[in-house]
Amino acid sequence: MISHFHADHVAGLRDFPAARLVASEAGYVAVASLKGVNALRRGFIPALLPPDFAARAQLIADFKGLELPGLGPSYDLFGDGTLLLVELPGHARGQIGLLAATERGTIFFVADGAWLRRAIVEQRPPHPITHRLVDDVAAMHTTLAGLSQFTHACPDVIIVPSHCPEALAELLF
C-alpha cells in the first residue's frame, strides 16, 4: 500500500517487482505527469516508480465503506474488514492511511497525517515552514483533528505515523 507519492514513501518500490501495488487514484493522477522541478516541488521523483507501475497498480477512488470516527468513509481492500484504507488529505494529494486488524490488535498506519503521535495528542501541526511542501494546509489541520477524534473514539488502536520513532519502536519490540 502506497500512502502517497513523496520520494521517501516510494523509494523502495522497484525492489519488489512482483508486488501488488495499491494507491489512491487521486494521489497518482496528481503526480503521474510531473517531471523535473515540478515533480520535485511535490516531493515526487518519477524514476523511483517501477516502469510497470501503471500496469501493476490498483488505484482506489471509491471510498464508500465503513465510516471511521473523525475521518470519514474507508475502502475495504479485501472485503473482510482486515485492511481498511482511509483518505488522510492535506500533507500530499491523495494520501491514504491503512487500518489493519492483526494478531497484536488493530494498527493504524497514518502515513504523514502526523509525523509524531505526540502531534496528534497535542494537536500540534508541523511548523509553518513546512507549508510550502504541503498540498493543502487547511486539509492537513482537518486530518490532524480527525486523527485526534479517532484516537479518542478508538483508544485501543495503535497509531503509527511513518516518521515516529516511538511508534516504530513499539511495533518492532
N, C-alpha and C. Protein backbone atom coordinates (compact mmCIF):
# COMPACT_ATOMS: atom_id res chain seq x y z
N MET A 1 0.85 -1.16 0.00
CA MET A 1 0.00 0.00 0.00
C MET A 1 0.90 1.23 0.00
N ILE A 2 0.67 2.10 -0.93
CA ILE A 2 1.43 3.33 -1.06
C ILE A 2 0.61 4.45 -0.44
N SER A 3 1.11 5.02 0.64
CA SER A 3 0.35 6.05 1.34
C SER A 3 0.24 7.33 0.51
N HIS A 4 1.33 7.70 -0.12
CA HIS A 4 1.36 8.87 -1.00
C HIS A 4 2.66 8.79 -1.80
N PHE A 5 2.84 9.69 -2.73
CA PHE A 5 3.91 9.55 -3.71
C PHE A 5 5.15 10.39 -3.43
N HIS A 6 5.34 10.84 -2.20
CA HIS A 6 6.59 11.52 -1.86
C HIS A 6 7.73 10.50 -1.95
N ALA A 7 8.90 11.00 -2.30
CA ALA A 7 10.04 10.13 -2.56
C ALA A 7 10.35 9.18 -1.40
N ASP A 8 10.24 9.66 -0.17
CA ASP A 8 10.57 8.80 0.97
C ASP A 8 9.54 7.69 1.19
N HIS A 9 8.44 7.72 0.48
CA HIS A 9 7.41 6.69 0.63
C HIS A 9 7.33 5.75 -0.57
N VAL A 10 8.04 6.06 -1.65
CA VAL A 10 8.02 5.17 -2.83
C VAL A 10 9.42 4.69 -3.20
N ALA A 11 10.43 5.08 -2.45
CA ALA A 11 11.82 4.83 -2.83
C ALA A 11 12.16 3.35 -3.02
N GLY A 12 11.52 2.44 -2.33
CA GLY A 12 11.88 1.03 -2.45
C GLY A 12 10.98 0.20 -3.36
N LEU A 13 10.05 0.82 -4.04
CA LEU A 13 9.08 0.04 -4.84
C LEU A 13 9.73 -0.81 -5.92
N ARG A 14 10.81 -0.34 -6.51
CA ARG A 14 11.47 -1.11 -7.58
C ARG A 14 12.08 -2.41 -7.04
N ASP A 15 12.28 -2.49 -5.73
CA ASP A 15 12.85 -3.70 -5.13
C ASP A 15 11.84 -4.84 -5.02
N PHE A 16 10.59 -4.58 -5.38
CA PHE A 16 9.53 -5.58 -5.27
C PHE A 16 8.82 -5.72 -6.62
N PRO A 17 9.50 -6.35 -7.59
CA PRO A 17 8.96 -6.39 -8.95
C PRO A 17 7.68 -7.19 -9.12
N ALA A 18 7.35 -8.05 -8.17
CA ALA A 18 6.13 -8.86 -8.31
C ALA A 18 5.02 -8.41 -7.37
N ALA A 19 5.27 -7.37 -6.60
CA ALA A 19 4.29 -6.93 -5.60
C ALA A 19 3.07 -6.28 -6.25
N ARG A 20 1.94 -6.52 -5.63
CA ARG A 20 0.71 -5.80 -5.99
C ARG A 20 0.82 -4.42 -5.36
N LEU A 21 0.54 -3.40 -6.12
CA LEU A 21 0.66 -2.03 -5.64
C LEU A 21 -0.73 -1.42 -5.51
N VAL A 22 -1.00 -0.83 -4.37
CA VAL A 22 -2.31 -0.21 -4.11
C VAL A 22 -2.05 1.23 -3.70
N ALA A 23 -2.77 2.14 -4.34
CA ALA A 23 -2.61 3.56 -4.04
C ALA A 23 -3.90 4.30 -4.34
N SER A 24 -3.95 5.52 -3.90
CA SER A 24 -5.07 6.40 -4.20
C SER A 24 -4.98 6.86 -5.65
N GLU A 25 -6.09 6.78 -6.34
CA GLU A 25 -6.13 7.27 -7.72
C GLU A 25 -5.81 8.77 -7.75
N ALA A 26 -6.39 9.52 -6.83
CA ALA A 26 -6.14 10.97 -6.78
C ALA A 26 -4.66 11.27 -6.57
N GLY A 27 -4.01 10.48 -5.73
CA GLY A 27 -2.59 10.68 -5.48
C GLY A 27 -1.76 10.43 -6.72
N TYR A 28 -2.06 9.35 -7.42
CA TYR A 28 -1.29 9.02 -8.62
C TYR A 28 -1.55 10.03 -9.74
N VAL A 29 -2.80 10.37 -9.96
CA VAL A 29 -3.14 11.34 -11.01
C VAL A 29 -2.43 12.67 -10.75
N ALA A 30 -2.29 13.05 -9.50
CA ALA A 30 -1.66 14.33 -9.16
C ALA A 30 -0.19 14.38 -9.53
N VAL A 31 0.48 13.23 -9.61
CA VAL A 31 1.92 13.23 -9.88
C VAL A 31 2.31 12.55 -11.19
N ALA A 32 1.42 11.80 -11.79
CA ALA A 32 1.76 10.95 -12.94
C ALA A 32 2.43 11.70 -14.09
N SER A 33 2.02 12.91 -14.34
CA SER A 33 2.58 13.64 -15.48
C SER A 33 3.69 14.62 -15.08
N LEU A 34 4.03 14.66 -13.81
CA LEU A 34 5.05 15.62 -13.35
C LEU A 34 6.46 15.15 -13.70
N LYS A 35 7.29 16.12 -14.06
CA LYS A 35 8.69 15.84 -14.37
C LYS A 35 9.56 16.97 -13.82
N GLY A 36 10.83 16.68 -13.65
CA GLY A 36 11.81 17.69 -13.28
C GLY A 36 11.47 18.47 -12.03
N VAL A 37 11.66 19.78 -12.10
CA VAL A 37 11.45 20.65 -10.95
C VAL A 37 10.00 20.61 -10.48
N ASN A 38 9.06 20.50 -11.40
CA ASN A 38 7.65 20.44 -10.99
C ASN A 38 7.38 19.21 -10.14
N ALA A 39 8.02 18.10 -10.47
CA ALA A 39 7.88 16.89 -9.65
C ALA A 39 8.53 17.08 -8.29
N LEU A 40 9.73 17.62 -8.28
CA LEU A 40 10.45 17.83 -7.01
C LEU A 40 9.68 18.76 -6.08
N ARG A 41 9.02 19.75 -6.61
CA ARG A 41 8.22 20.66 -5.77
C ARG A 41 7.11 19.92 -5.05
N ARG A 42 6.68 18.81 -5.61
CA ARG A 42 5.63 17.99 -4.98
C ARG A 42 6.24 16.83 -4.19
N GLY A 43 7.56 16.80 -4.05
CA GLY A 43 8.21 15.73 -3.29
C GLY A 43 8.28 14.42 -4.05
N PHE A 44 8.11 14.47 -5.36
CA PHE A 44 8.00 13.27 -6.19
C PHE A 44 9.20 13.15 -7.12
N ILE A 45 9.76 11.94 -7.19
CA ILE A 45 10.85 11.64 -8.12
C ILE A 45 10.35 10.50 -9.01
N PRO A 46 9.95 10.81 -10.24
CA PRO A 46 9.33 9.81 -11.12
C PRO A 46 10.16 8.54 -11.29
N ALA A 47 11.48 8.65 -11.33
CA ALA A 47 12.33 7.48 -11.56
C ALA A 47 12.25 6.46 -10.43
N LEU A 48 11.70 6.82 -9.29
CA LEU A 48 11.56 5.86 -8.19
C LEU A 48 10.43 4.86 -8.41
N LEU A 49 9.47 5.21 -9.26
CA LEU A 49 8.37 4.28 -9.53
C LEU A 49 8.84 3.19 -10.48
N PRO A 50 8.38 1.96 -10.29
CA PRO A 50 8.71 0.90 -11.24
C PRO A 50 8.20 1.26 -12.63
N PRO A 51 8.90 0.83 -13.68
CA PRO A 51 8.45 1.18 -15.03
C PRO A 51 7.07 0.63 -15.37
N ASP A 52 6.68 -0.44 -14.70
CA ASP A 52 5.36 -1.05 -14.96
C ASP A 52 4.33 -0.66 -13.90
N PHE A 53 4.56 0.46 -13.22
CA PHE A 53 3.66 0.86 -12.14
C PHE A 53 2.21 0.90 -12.59
N ALA A 54 1.92 1.58 -13.67
CA ALA A 54 0.53 1.74 -14.12
C ALA A 54 -0.13 0.40 -14.38
N ALA A 55 0.62 -0.57 -14.87
CA ALA A 55 0.05 -1.89 -15.16
C ALA A 55 -0.21 -2.69 -13.88
N ARG A 56 0.62 -2.50 -12.86
CA ARG A 56 0.50 -3.28 -11.63
C ARG A 56 -0.35 -2.63 -10.55
N ALA A 57 -0.62 -1.36 -10.69
CA ALA A 57 -1.27 -0.63 -9.60
C ALA A 57 -2.79 -0.81 -9.59
N GLN A 58 -3.31 -0.99 -8.39
CA GLN A 58 -4.75 -0.92 -8.16
C GLN A 58 -4.98 0.45 -7.56
N LEU A 59 -5.61 1.33 -8.35
CA LEU A 59 -5.83 2.70 -7.91
C LEU A 59 -7.23 2.83 -7.33
N ILE A 60 -7.31 3.26 -6.09
CA ILE A 60 -8.57 3.33 -5.35
C ILE A 60 -9.14 4.75 -5.44
N ALA A 61 -10.39 4.83 -5.85
CA ALA A 61 -11.06 6.14 -5.94
C ALA A 61 -12.37 6.16 -5.16
N ASP A 62 -12.86 4.99 -4.82
CA ASP A 62 -14.21 4.87 -4.27
C ASP A 62 -14.18 4.55 -2.78
N PHE A 63 -14.04 5.57 -1.95
CA PHE A 63 -14.03 5.39 -0.50
C PHE A 63 -15.46 5.56 0.00
N LYS A 64 -16.18 4.45 0.07
CA LYS A 64 -17.59 4.50 0.48
C LYS A 64 -17.92 3.45 1.54
N GLY A 65 -16.89 2.90 2.18
CA GLY A 65 -17.12 1.84 3.15
C GLY A 65 -17.36 2.36 4.56
N LEU A 66 -17.03 1.53 5.52
CA LEU A 66 -17.21 1.82 6.94
C LEU A 66 -16.68 3.21 7.29
N GLU A 67 -17.49 3.98 8.01
CA GLU A 67 -17.08 5.32 8.47
C GLU A 67 -16.14 5.17 9.66
N LEU A 68 -14.99 5.80 9.57
CA LEU A 68 -14.06 5.81 10.69
C LEU A 68 -14.25 7.12 11.46
N PRO A 69 -14.38 7.04 12.78
CA PRO A 69 -14.65 8.24 13.58
C PRO A 69 -13.65 9.36 13.30
N GLY A 70 -14.17 10.52 12.97
CA GLY A 70 -13.34 11.69 12.72
C GLY A 70 -12.70 11.75 11.35
N LEU A 71 -12.78 10.65 10.60
CA LEU A 71 -12.03 10.58 9.34
C LEU A 71 -12.88 10.33 8.10
N GLY A 72 -14.03 9.76 8.26
CA GLY A 72 -14.88 9.53 7.10
C GLY A 72 -14.84 8.10 6.60
N PRO A 73 -15.35 7.89 5.38
CA PRO A 73 -15.51 6.53 4.86
C PRO A 73 -14.18 5.89 4.47
N SER A 74 -14.18 4.57 4.53
CA SER A 74 -12.99 3.79 4.21
C SER A 74 -13.20 2.99 2.93
N TYR A 75 -12.17 2.28 2.55
CA TYR A 75 -12.25 1.33 1.44
C TYR A 75 -11.74 0.00 1.98
N ASP A 76 -12.56 -1.04 1.90
CA ASP A 76 -12.20 -2.36 2.43
C ASP A 76 -11.43 -3.11 1.34
N LEU A 77 -10.12 -3.20 1.51
CA LEU A 77 -9.25 -3.74 0.47
C LEU A 77 -9.56 -5.19 0.11
N PHE A 78 -9.83 -6.03 1.10
CA PHE A 78 -10.11 -7.44 0.84
C PHE A 78 -11.58 -7.81 1.00
N GLY A 79 -12.40 -6.87 1.43
CA GLY A 79 -13.82 -7.14 1.61
C GLY A 79 -14.14 -7.89 2.89
N ASP A 80 -13.16 -8.01 3.79
CA ASP A 80 -13.40 -8.76 5.03
C ASP A 80 -13.14 -7.94 6.29
N GLY A 81 -12.85 -6.66 6.13
CA GLY A 81 -12.62 -5.79 7.27
C GLY A 81 -11.22 -5.83 7.86
N THR A 82 -10.32 -6.64 7.30
CA THR A 82 -8.98 -6.75 7.88
C THR A 82 -8.06 -5.61 7.48
N LEU A 83 -8.27 -5.06 6.29
CA LEU A 83 -7.45 -3.94 5.83
C LEU A 83 -8.36 -2.86 5.27
N LEU A 84 -8.42 -1.74 5.98
CA LEU A 84 -9.24 -0.62 5.54
C LEU A 84 -8.33 0.54 5.16
N LEU A 85 -8.58 1.12 4.02
CA LEU A 85 -7.87 2.32 3.58
C LEU A 85 -8.76 3.52 3.86
N VAL A 86 -8.15 4.63 4.26
CA VAL A 86 -8.93 5.85 4.53
C VAL A 86 -8.14 7.05 4.02
N GLU A 87 -8.85 8.00 3.48
CA GLU A 87 -8.21 9.21 2.98
C GLU A 87 -7.74 10.08 4.14
N LEU A 88 -6.52 10.59 4.02
CA LEU A 88 -5.91 11.47 5.02
C LEU A 88 -5.36 12.70 4.29
N PRO A 89 -6.22 13.55 3.79
CA PRO A 89 -5.78 14.66 2.94
C PRO A 89 -4.97 15.71 3.68
N GLY A 90 -4.23 16.46 2.88
CA GLY A 90 -3.50 17.61 3.41
C GLY A 90 -2.03 17.55 3.10
N HIS A 91 -1.33 16.62 3.71
CA HIS A 91 0.12 16.53 3.53
C HIS A 91 0.47 16.35 2.05
N ALA A 92 -0.20 15.41 1.40
CA ALA A 92 0.03 15.14 -0.02
C ALA A 92 -1.31 14.80 -0.66
N ARG A 93 -1.48 15.20 -1.90
CA ARG A 93 -2.72 14.89 -2.62
C ARG A 93 -2.92 13.38 -2.65
N GLY A 94 -4.10 12.94 -2.23
CA GLY A 94 -4.44 11.53 -2.28
C GLY A 94 -3.81 10.67 -1.20
N GLN A 95 -3.23 11.27 -0.16
CA GLN A 95 -2.63 10.47 0.90
C GLN A 95 -3.69 9.59 1.56
N ILE A 96 -3.31 8.33 1.82
CA ILE A 96 -4.20 7.39 2.49
C ILE A 96 -3.49 6.72 3.65
N GLY A 97 -4.28 6.30 4.62
CA GLY A 97 -3.79 5.53 5.75
C GLY A 97 -4.34 4.11 5.67
N LEU A 98 -3.77 3.23 6.47
CA LEU A 98 -4.16 1.82 6.47
C LEU A 98 -4.49 1.38 7.89
N LEU A 99 -5.72 0.93 8.10
CA LEU A 99 -6.16 0.38 9.38
C LEU A 99 -6.14 -1.13 9.23
N ALA A 100 -5.27 -1.79 10.00
CA ALA A 100 -5.04 -3.22 9.84
C ALA A 100 -5.41 -3.99 11.11
N ALA A 101 -6.28 -4.99 10.96
CA ALA A 101 -6.61 -5.90 12.06
C ALA A 101 -5.54 -6.99 12.08
N THR A 102 -4.76 -7.05 13.16
CA THR A 102 -3.66 -8.00 13.26
C THR A 102 -3.81 -8.84 14.52
N GLU A 103 -2.94 -9.83 14.67
CA GLU A 103 -2.94 -10.65 15.88
C GLU A 103 -2.56 -9.83 17.11
N ARG A 104 -1.82 -8.75 16.92
CA ARG A 104 -1.41 -7.88 18.03
C ARG A 104 -2.47 -6.84 18.37
N GLY A 105 -3.51 -6.79 17.58
CA GLY A 105 -4.54 -5.78 17.75
C GLY A 105 -4.66 -4.96 16.47
N THR A 106 -5.43 -3.91 16.54
CA THR A 106 -5.62 -3.07 15.36
C THR A 106 -4.55 -1.99 15.32
N ILE A 107 -3.92 -1.87 14.17
CA ILE A 107 -2.85 -0.90 13.96
C ILE A 107 -3.28 0.05 12.84
N PHE A 108 -3.10 1.33 13.08
CA PHE A 108 -3.47 2.34 12.10
C PHE A 108 -2.20 3.06 11.63
N PHE A 109 -1.79 2.75 10.41
CA PHE A 109 -0.65 3.41 9.79
C PHE A 109 -1.16 4.70 9.16
N VAL A 110 -0.81 5.83 9.76
CA VAL A 110 -1.39 7.11 9.35
C VAL A 110 -0.48 7.90 8.40
N ALA A 111 0.54 7.24 7.87
CA ALA A 111 1.44 7.87 6.90
C ALA A 111 1.97 9.18 7.49
N ASP A 112 1.85 10.27 6.72
CA ASP A 112 2.29 11.58 7.20
C ASP A 112 1.10 12.46 7.59
N GLY A 113 0.00 11.81 7.97
CA GLY A 113 -1.14 12.54 8.53
C GLY A 113 -0.72 13.25 9.81
N ALA A 114 0.29 12.71 10.45
CA ALA A 114 1.00 13.34 11.57
C ALA A 114 2.39 12.73 11.53
N TRP A 115 3.39 13.50 11.91
CA TRP A 115 4.73 12.95 11.91
C TRP A 115 5.06 12.24 13.22
N LEU A 116 4.40 12.63 14.29
CA LEU A 116 4.62 12.03 15.60
C LEU A 116 3.28 11.78 16.27
N ARG A 117 3.21 10.75 17.10
CA ARG A 117 1.98 10.52 17.89
C ARG A 117 1.66 11.73 18.75
N ARG A 118 2.70 12.29 19.34
CA ARG A 118 2.52 13.45 20.21
C ARG A 118 1.80 14.59 19.49
N ALA A 119 2.05 14.73 18.20
CA ALA A 119 1.40 15.79 17.43
C ALA A 119 -0.11 15.59 17.39
N ILE A 120 -0.55 14.33 17.37
CA ILE A 120 -1.99 14.04 17.37
C ILE A 120 -2.58 14.38 18.74
N VAL A 121 -1.92 13.92 19.78
CA VAL A 121 -2.40 14.15 21.15
C VAL A 121 -2.45 15.65 21.46
N GLU A 122 -1.40 16.36 21.08
CA GLU A 122 -1.30 17.79 21.40
C GLU A 122 -1.92 18.68 20.33
N GLN A 123 -2.44 18.06 19.26
CA GLN A 123 -2.97 18.83 18.13
C GLN A 123 -1.96 19.88 17.68
N ARG A 124 -0.76 19.39 17.41
CA ARG A 124 0.34 20.27 17.02
C ARG A 124 0.75 19.95 15.59
N PRO A 125 0.35 20.78 14.63
CA PRO A 125 0.73 20.54 13.24
C PRO A 125 2.22 20.83 13.04
N PRO A 126 2.77 20.41 11.92
CA PRO A 126 4.17 20.73 11.63
C PRO A 126 4.39 22.25 11.60
N HIS A 127 5.62 22.64 11.79
CA HIS A 127 5.99 24.06 11.77
C HIS A 127 5.54 24.71 10.46
N PRO A 128 5.11 25.96 10.51
CA PRO A 128 4.65 26.64 9.29
C PRO A 128 5.66 26.65 8.14
N ILE A 129 6.95 26.48 8.44
CA ILE A 129 7.93 26.45 7.36
C ILE A 129 7.66 25.29 6.40
N THR A 130 7.00 24.25 6.90
CA THR A 130 6.70 23.09 6.05
C THR A 130 5.52 23.33 5.10
N HIS A 131 4.80 24.41 5.29
CA HIS A 131 3.60 24.65 4.48
C HIS A 131 3.90 24.72 2.99
N ARG A 132 5.10 25.11 2.63
CA ARG A 132 5.46 25.16 1.21
C ARG A 132 5.50 23.77 0.59
N LEU A 133 5.67 22.76 1.42
CA LEU A 133 5.76 21.38 0.92
C LEU A 133 4.44 20.63 1.03
N VAL A 134 3.47 21.23 1.67
CA VAL A 134 2.19 20.57 1.95
C VAL A 134 1.21 20.86 0.82
N ASP A 135 0.43 19.86 0.45
CA ASP A 135 -0.55 20.03 -0.63
C ASP A 135 -1.66 21.00 -0.25
N ASP A 136 -2.22 20.84 0.97
CA ASP A 136 -3.37 21.65 1.39
C ASP A 136 -3.30 21.83 2.91
N VAL A 137 -2.87 23.01 3.33
CA VAL A 137 -2.64 23.26 4.76
C VAL A 137 -3.93 23.10 5.57
N ALA A 138 -5.04 23.63 5.08
CA ALA A 138 -6.31 23.52 5.82
C ALA A 138 -6.71 22.06 5.97
N ALA A 139 -6.56 21.28 4.91
CA ALA A 139 -6.90 19.85 4.98
C ALA A 139 -5.96 19.11 5.93
N MET A 140 -4.70 19.53 5.97
CA MET A 140 -3.75 18.91 6.90
C MET A 140 -4.22 19.11 8.34
N HIS A 141 -4.68 20.31 8.67
CA HIS A 141 -5.18 20.59 10.02
C HIS A 141 -6.45 19.78 10.30
N THR A 142 -7.32 19.66 9.31
CA THR A 142 -8.55 18.87 9.47
C THR A 142 -8.21 17.40 9.70
N THR A 143 -7.24 16.88 8.96
CA THR A 143 -6.83 15.49 9.15
C THR A 143 -6.25 15.28 10.54
N LEU A 144 -5.42 16.20 11.00
CA LEU A 144 -4.85 16.08 12.34
C LEU A 144 -5.95 16.07 13.40
N ALA A 145 -6.95 16.94 13.25
CA ALA A 145 -8.09 16.95 14.18
C ALA A 145 -8.87 15.64 14.08
N GLY A 146 -9.05 15.13 12.87
CA GLY A 146 -9.75 13.86 12.68
C GLY A 146 -9.01 12.70 13.32
N LEU A 147 -7.69 12.70 13.23
CA LEU A 147 -6.90 11.65 13.88
C LEU A 147 -7.06 11.72 15.39
N SER A 148 -7.14 12.91 15.93
CA SER A 148 -7.38 13.07 17.37
C SER A 148 -8.74 12.50 17.75
N GLN A 149 -9.76 12.82 16.98
CA GLN A 149 -11.10 12.28 17.24
C GLN A 149 -11.08 10.76 17.16
N PHE A 150 -10.38 10.23 16.17
CA PHE A 150 -10.29 8.78 16.01
C PHE A 150 -9.63 8.14 17.23
N THR A 151 -8.52 8.72 17.71
CA THR A 151 -7.82 8.13 18.85
C THR A 151 -8.67 8.16 20.11
N HIS A 152 -9.50 9.19 20.27
CA HIS A 152 -10.40 9.23 21.43
C HIS A 152 -11.52 8.20 21.30
N ALA A 153 -12.02 8.00 20.09
CA ALA A 153 -13.11 7.04 19.87
C ALA A 153 -12.62 5.60 19.88
N CYS A 154 -11.35 5.39 19.53
CA CYS A 154 -10.79 4.04 19.41
C CYS A 154 -9.45 3.97 20.15
N PRO A 155 -9.46 4.09 21.48
CA PRO A 155 -8.20 4.21 22.23
C PRO A 155 -7.32 2.97 22.19
N ASP A 156 -7.85 1.82 21.83
CA ASP A 156 -7.04 0.61 21.80
C ASP A 156 -6.29 0.43 20.49
N VAL A 157 -6.57 1.25 19.50
CA VAL A 157 -5.89 1.16 18.22
C VAL A 157 -4.49 1.75 18.35
N ILE A 158 -3.50 1.03 17.86
CA ILE A 158 -2.11 1.51 17.87
C ILE A 158 -1.93 2.44 16.67
N ILE A 159 -1.57 3.69 16.93
CA ILE A 159 -1.39 4.69 15.88
C ILE A 159 0.09 4.74 15.49
N VAL A 160 0.36 4.63 14.19
CA VAL A 160 1.74 4.61 13.71
C VAL A 160 1.95 5.65 12.60
N PRO A 161 2.42 6.84 12.97
CA PRO A 161 2.86 7.79 11.94
C PRO A 161 4.17 7.28 11.33
N SER A 162 4.36 7.49 10.06
CA SER A 162 5.52 6.94 9.35
C SER A 162 6.86 7.37 9.93
N HIS A 163 6.96 8.55 10.49
CA HIS A 163 8.24 9.08 10.94
C HIS A 163 8.36 9.16 12.46
N CYS A 164 7.53 8.41 13.18
CA CYS A 164 7.52 8.48 14.64
C CYS A 164 8.39 7.37 15.24
N PRO A 165 9.55 7.71 15.79
CA PRO A 165 10.42 6.69 16.36
C PRO A 165 9.75 5.89 17.48
N GLU A 166 8.96 6.55 18.30
CA GLU A 166 8.27 5.89 19.41
C GLU A 166 7.33 4.79 18.88
N ALA A 167 6.56 5.12 17.87
CA ALA A 167 5.61 4.16 17.30
C ALA A 167 6.33 3.01 16.61
N LEU A 168 7.38 3.32 15.87
CA LEU A 168 8.13 2.28 15.18
C LEU A 168 8.81 1.34 16.17
N ALA A 169 9.35 1.89 17.25
CA ALA A 169 9.98 1.05 18.27
C ALA A 169 8.96 0.12 18.91
N GLU A 170 7.76 0.62 19.14
CA GLU A 170 6.70 -0.21 19.73
C GLU A 170 6.35 -1.38 18.80
N LEU A 171 6.32 -1.12 17.52
CA LEU A 171 6.00 -2.19 16.57
C LEU A 171 7.09 -3.24 16.49
N LEU A 172 8.33 -2.81 16.61
CA LEU A 172 9.45 -3.73 16.45
C LEU A 172 9.72 -4.58 17.68
N PHE A 173 9.26 -4.12 18.86
CA PHE A 173 9.59 -4.87 20.08
C PHE A 173 8.38 -5.32 20.82
